[in-house]
Amino acid sequence: MRDLTDRQLQDFAEAVSWEIAERLPDGRILGRVGELGATMTELDFRLAEVDKRLGLAGKTVLELGSHEGHFTIQLAQRCQQVTAVEVRPKNVVCALIRAYVHDMENIKIHCKDVRGIDGSFGRFDIVVHLGVLYHLSNPVEHLFRIKDLSDNLLLCTHYGGSTLGFPRDDISYDGKTYRAHRYKEFGWQDGWSGMEDSSRWLEREDLLRLLRDTGYGSVEIIRDWEASGYPRLSLLAGRSAR
């Protein structure tokens, strides 16, 4: 971490509107204690599971949907190189501030929509995909587009089901149909929302089938739980059995 005075840190904190705060190594807070609060004090449990199974040291990581860079920093502290993709310029600025305050130079940030990412973007040891898939209107096409980016995918997403009350809206792709339910999104002005008017949440078993269809022979469930009132699944998918 850089040696910053309280006033300097305050100016960084006030330079942009924040959604998430983190507790810095010296105990001070960067960001805003809002919806998630000052939570960034320990390694996120999903990243910890990847570190335990694959080892993050020396790895190149692509993070899709990096938001304000709170996980980007945790990855950069352990990986060789982190390439982050985030569509909102405000969030990119937040991530750049975090990277500067933490004195991290192994981070590259792209202001880009993840829907435009495909195999031509590069090749990485691990793709980290947290809280993005359920914001897409066609998550099936997206997972097929990114399947060649890495042999390892850390995925965390909400999933749909008949009990949620969302209208059924299945997705057909390459001759197969995946059960899904439509969810209303809230637009650009909502920092926690997707880019489209609505998204589709795949049903749990169809999501797992989709991962097999995109070539992941190994799928390890990290946690299946309820978050914000909806079912959520974290998993690690790999091209070969581990």
Protein backbone atom coordinates (compact mmCIF):
# COMPACT_ATOMS: atom_id res chain seq x y z
CA MET A 1 0.00 0.00 0.00
CA ARG A 2 1.18 3.52 -0.78
CA ASP A 3 2.05 5.94 2.01
CA LEU A 4 -0.87 8.37 1.91
CA THR A 5 -1.94 11.05 4.38
CA ASP A 6 -5.50 11.08 5.69
CA ARG A 7 -6.25 14.07 3.47
CA GLN A 8 -4.89 12.35 0.38
CA LEU A 9 -6.94 9.24 1.07
CA GLN A 10 -10.01 11.39 1.70
CA ASP A 11 -9.54 13.13 -1.65
CA PHE A 12 -9.32 9.75 -3.40
CA ALA A 13 -12.46 8.62 -1.59
CA GLU A 14 -14.34 11.78 -2.61
CA ALA A 15 -13.11 11.82 -6.21
CA VAL A 16 -15.86 9.46 -7.38
CA SER A 17 -19.13 7.99 -6.17
CA TRP A 18 -18.52 4.55 -4.61
CA GLU A 19 -20.80 1.55 -4.08
CA ILE A 20 -18.41 -0.59 -2.03
CA ALA A 21 -15.95 0.18 0.74
CA GLU A 22 -12.89 -1.77 1.79
CA ARG A 23 -10.78 -1.73 4.91
CA LEU A 24 -7.19 -1.02 3.96
CA PRO A 25 -4.23 -2.81 5.59
CA ASP A 26 -3.68 0.19 7.90
CA GLY A 27 -7.31 0.08 9.08
CA ARG A 28 -8.57 3.10 7.17
CA ILE A 29 -11.54 2.90 4.78
CA LEU A 30 -11.51 3.51 1.03
CA GLY A 31 -14.88 3.86 -0.63
CA ARG A 32 -18.36 4.15 0.83
CA VAL A 33 -19.88 1.92 3.46
CA GLY A 34 -23.02 1.20 1.51
CA GLU A 35 -24.85 -1.93 0.42
CA LEU A 36 -21.90 -4.23 0.99
CA GLY A 37 -20.09 -2.22 3.65
CA ALA A 38 -16.40 -2.36 4.49
CA THR A 39 -16.15 -6.03 3.66
CA MET A 40 -12.82 -6.35 1.91
CA THR A 41 -10.76 -7.50 4.89
CA GLU A 42 -10.26 -11.17 3.95
CA LEU A 43 -9.94 -13.12 0.74
CA ASP A 44 -13.39 -13.75 -0.76
CA PHE A 45 -14.46 -17.35 -0.14
CA ARG A 46 -14.80 -18.08 -3.87
CA LEU A 47 -11.32 -16.82 -4.64
CA ALA A 48 -10.02 -18.75 -1.64
CA GLU A 49 -11.51 -21.96 -3.05
CA VAL A 50 -9.84 -21.36 -6.42
CA ASP A 51 -6.55 -20.67 -4.68
CA LYS A 52 -6.88 -23.93 -2.75
CA ARG A 53 -7.75 -26.00 -5.82
CA LEU A 54 -5.63 -24.39 -8.55
CA GLY A 55 -3.18 -22.09 -6.79
CA LEU A 56 -3.35 -18.43 -7.81
CA ALA A 57 0.39 -17.76 -7.58
CA GLY A 58 1.92 -17.26 -11.00
CA LYS A 59 -1.44 -17.42 -12.76
CA THR A 60 -2.91 -15.06 -15.36
CA VAL A 61 -6.54 -14.21 -14.61
CA LEU A 62 -9.30 -12.61 -16.67
CA GLU A 63 -11.97 -11.00 -14.50
CA LEU A 64 -15.23 -10.34 -16.34
CA GLY A 65 -17.36 -7.63 -14.74
CA SER A 66 -14.86 -6.23 -12.25
CA HIS A 67 -17.17 -3.50 -10.88
CA GLU A 68 -15.11 -1.20 -8.59
CA GLY A 69 -12.11 -3.50 -8.47
CA HIS A 70 -12.64 -4.98 -5.00
CA PHE A 71 -11.95 -8.54 -6.21
CA THR A 72 -9.42 -7.27 -8.75
CA ILE A 73 -7.15 -6.17 -5.92
CA GLN A 74 -7.50 -9.47 -4.08
CA LEU A 75 -6.57 -11.33 -7.25
CA ALA A 76 -3.65 -9.04 -8.09
CA GLN A 77 -2.19 -9.57 -4.62
CA ARG A 78 -1.89 -13.29 -5.41
CA CYS A 79 -1.66 -13.67 -9.21
CA GLN A 80 0.97 -12.83 -11.77
CA GLN A 81 -1.35 -10.69 -13.91
CA VAL A 82 -5.02 -9.68 -13.76
CA THR A 83 -6.90 -8.43 -16.81
CA ALA A 84 -10.19 -6.86 -15.75
CA VAL A 85 -13.17 -6.00 -17.97
CA GLU A 86 -15.78 -3.49 -16.78
CA VAL A 87 -18.38 -1.61 -18.84
CA ARG A 88 -19.06 1.43 -16.60
CA PRO A 89 -16.35 4.14 -16.75
CA LYS A 90 -17.13 5.21 -13.17
CA ASN A 91 -16.30 1.72 -11.96
CA VAL A 92 -13.10 1.72 -14.00
CA VAL A 93 -12.03 4.92 -12.23
CA CYS A 94 -12.78 3.33 -8.85
CA ALA A 95 -10.70 0.29 -9.77
CA LEU A 96 -7.81 2.47 -10.93
CA ILE A 97 -7.90 4.35 -7.62
CA ARG A 98 -7.86 1.07 -5.70
CA ALA A 99 -4.94 -0.19 -7.77
CA TYR A 100 -3.00 3.02 -7.13
CA VAL A 101 -3.70 3.07 -3.38
CA HIS A 102 -2.65 -0.57 -3.09
CA ASP A 103 0.40 0.08 -5.30
CA MET A 104 -0.54 -2.78 -7.64
CA GLU A 105 1.07 -2.70 -11.07
CA ASN A 106 0.01 -6.12 -12.38
CA ILE A 107 -3.52 -5.00 -13.29
CA LYS A 108 -4.81 -4.11 -16.76
CA ILE A 109 -8.36 -2.73 -16.97
CA HIS A 110 -10.49 -2.61 -20.12
CA CYS A 111 -13.62 -0.46 -20.35
CA LYS A 112 -15.63 -2.93 -22.39
CA ASP A 113 -18.93 -4.81 -22.39
CA VAL A 114 -18.41 -8.50 -21.55
CA ARG A 115 -20.93 -9.37 -24.28
CA GLY A 116 -18.27 -8.34 -26.81
CA ILE A 117 -15.62 -10.67 -25.39
CA ASP A 118 -14.75 -13.89 -27.22
CA GLY A 119 -11.80 -16.21 -27.71
CA SER A 120 -9.87 -13.59 -29.68
CA PHE A 121 -9.43 -11.56 -26.48
CA GLY A 122 -6.59 -13.82 -25.34
CA ARG A 123 -5.82 -16.91 -23.33
CA PHE A 124 -5.73 -17.04 -19.53
CA ASP A 125 -5.12 -19.57 -16.77
CA ILE A 126 -8.41 -18.74 -15.05
CA VAL A 127 -11.56 -16.78 -15.93
CA VAL A 128 -13.26 -15.20 -12.90
CA HIS A 129 -16.95 -14.57 -13.63
CA LEU A 130 -18.74 -13.31 -10.51
CA GLY A 131 -22.22 -11.78 -10.55
CA VAL A 132 -22.48 -11.12 -14.28
CA LEU A 133 -24.15 -14.06 -16.02
CA TYR A 134 -27.62 -13.38 -14.59
CA HIS A 135 -27.50 -9.83 -15.99
CA LEU A 136 -27.35 -11.07 -19.60
CA SER A 137 -30.29 -11.62 -21.93
CA ASN A 138 -28.50 -14.52 -23.60
CA PRO A 139 -26.18 -16.21 -21.09
CA VAL A 140 -26.01 -19.30 -23.30
CA GLU A 141 -24.48 -17.49 -26.26
CA HIS A 142 -22.12 -15.67 -23.89
CA LEU A 143 -20.72 -18.85 -22.34
CA PHE A 144 -20.17 -20.34 -25.79
CA ARG A 145 -18.38 -17.14 -26.88
CA ILE A 146 -15.93 -17.21 -23.96
CA LYS A 147 -15.34 -20.98 -23.78
CA ASP A 148 -11.89 -20.77 -25.39
CA LEU A 149 -10.53 -18.09 -23.05
CA SER A 150 -9.42 -20.58 -20.39
CA ASP A 151 -9.57 -24.18 -19.23
CA ASN A 152 -10.76 -22.99 -15.81
CA LEU A 153 -13.87 -20.95 -15.02
CA LEU A 154 -14.91 -19.62 -11.62
CA LEU A 155 -18.61 -18.81 -12.02
CA CYS A 156 -21.04 -17.31 -9.51
CA THR A 157 -24.58 -16.53 -10.61
CA HIS A 158 -28.21 -16.49 -9.58
CA TYR A 159 -30.32 -19.16 -11.25
CA GLY A 160 -33.99 -19.34 -12.11
CA GLY A 161 -36.87 -21.63 -11.26
CA SER A 162 -40.64 -21.82 -11.35
CA THR A 163 -40.98 -20.84 -7.69
CA LEU A 164 -39.52 -17.36 -8.28
CA GLY A 165 -42.51 -16.16 -10.29
CA PHE A 166 -40.43 -14.90 -13.24
CA PRO A 167 -41.99 -15.57 -16.67
CA ARG A 168 -40.57 -18.56 -18.53
CA ASP A 169 -38.41 -17.57 -21.49
CA ASP A 170 -36.28 -20.45 -22.75
CA ILE A 171 -33.12 -20.04 -24.82
CA SER A 172 -32.46 -22.02 -27.98
CA TYR A 173 -28.90 -22.29 -29.22
CA ASP A 174 -27.20 -24.64 -31.69
CA GLY A 175 -30.15 -27.01 -31.76
CA LYS A 176 -30.57 -27.25 -27.99
CA THR A 177 -33.00 -25.56 -25.62
CA TYR A 178 -32.12 -24.35 -22.13
CA ARG A 179 -34.83 -23.54 -19.60
CA ALA A 180 -34.69 -19.92 -18.43
CA HIS A 181 -36.78 -17.20 -16.77
CA ARG A 182 -36.89 -13.50 -17.61
CA TYR A 183 -35.87 -10.89 -15.02
CA LYS A 184 -36.33 -7.12 -15.29
CA GLU A 185 -33.12 -5.08 -15.23
CA PHE A 186 -32.91 -1.42 -14.15
CA GLY A 187 -30.57 0.22 -16.63
CA TRP A 188 -27.28 2.05 -16.78
CA GLN A 189 -28.05 4.37 -13.87
CA ASP A 190 -28.28 1.42 -11.47
CA GLY A 191 -24.72 0.33 -10.72
CA TRP A 192 -25.88 -3.16 -9.76
CA SER A 193 -27.87 -3.72 -12.95
CA GLY A 194 -27.12 -5.08 -16.40
CA MET A 195 -26.97 -3.20 -19.69
CA GLU A 196 -30.22 -4.53 -21.13
CA ASP A 197 -33.89 -4.04 -20.26
CA SER A 198 -34.14 -7.63 -19.09
CA SER A 199 -32.00 -10.68 -18.49
CA ARG A 200 -32.61 -14.41 -18.38
CA TRP A 201 -31.76 -16.69 -15.47
CA LEU A 202 -31.02 -20.26 -16.43
CA GLU A 203 -32.45 -23.04 -14.32
CA ARG A 204 -29.84 -24.81 -12.21
CA GLU A 205 -29.69 -28.11 -14.09
CA ASP A 206 -29.70 -26.34 -17.44
CA LEU A 207 -26.80 -24.15 -16.34
CA LEU A 208 -24.82 -27.26 -15.42
CA ARG A 209 -25.77 -28.89 -18.73
CA LEU A 210 -24.66 -25.76 -20.57
CA LEU A 211 -21.24 -25.95 -18.93
CA ARG A 212 -20.89 -29.54 -20.12
CA ASP A 213 -22.01 -28.47 -23.61
CA THR A 214 -19.30 -25.79 -23.70
CA GLY A 215 -16.64 -28.39 -22.94
CA TYR A 216 -16.18 -28.30 -19.18
CA GLY A 217 -15.81 -31.93 -18.12
CA SER A 218 -15.38 -31.10 -14.44
CA VAL A 219 -17.78 -28.98 -12.38
CA GLU A 220 -17.22 -28.56 -8.64
CA ILE A 221 -19.95 -26.81 -6.65
CA ILE A 222 -18.41 -24.39 -4.16
CA ARG A 223 -21.64 -23.15 -2.59
CA ASP A 224 -25.34 -23.26 -3.37
CA TRP A 225 -27.24 -20.79 -1.21
CA GLU A 226 -29.74 -17.94 -1.12
CA ALA A 227 -28.48 -14.38 -1.67
CA SER A 228 -30.71 -11.28 -1.77
CA GLY A 229 -33.72 -13.58 -1.67
CA TYR A 230 -32.76 -15.62 -4.76
CA PRO A 231 -30.92 -18.92 -5.25
CA ARG A 232 -27.26 -18.49 -6.13
CA LEU A 233 -24.59 -20.94 -7.22
CA SER A 234 -20.80 -20.73 -7.10
CA LEU A 235 -18.79 -23.33 -8.97
CA LEU A 236 -15.42 -24.08 -10.51
CA ALA A 237 -15.53 -25.61 -13.98
CA GLY A 238 -12.52 -27.20 -15.69
CA ARG A 239 -11.73 -28.76 -19.03
CA SER A 240 -10.36 -31.92 -17.44
CA ALA A 241 -11.22 -33.78 -14.23
CA ARG A 242 -9.27 -32.69 -11.16
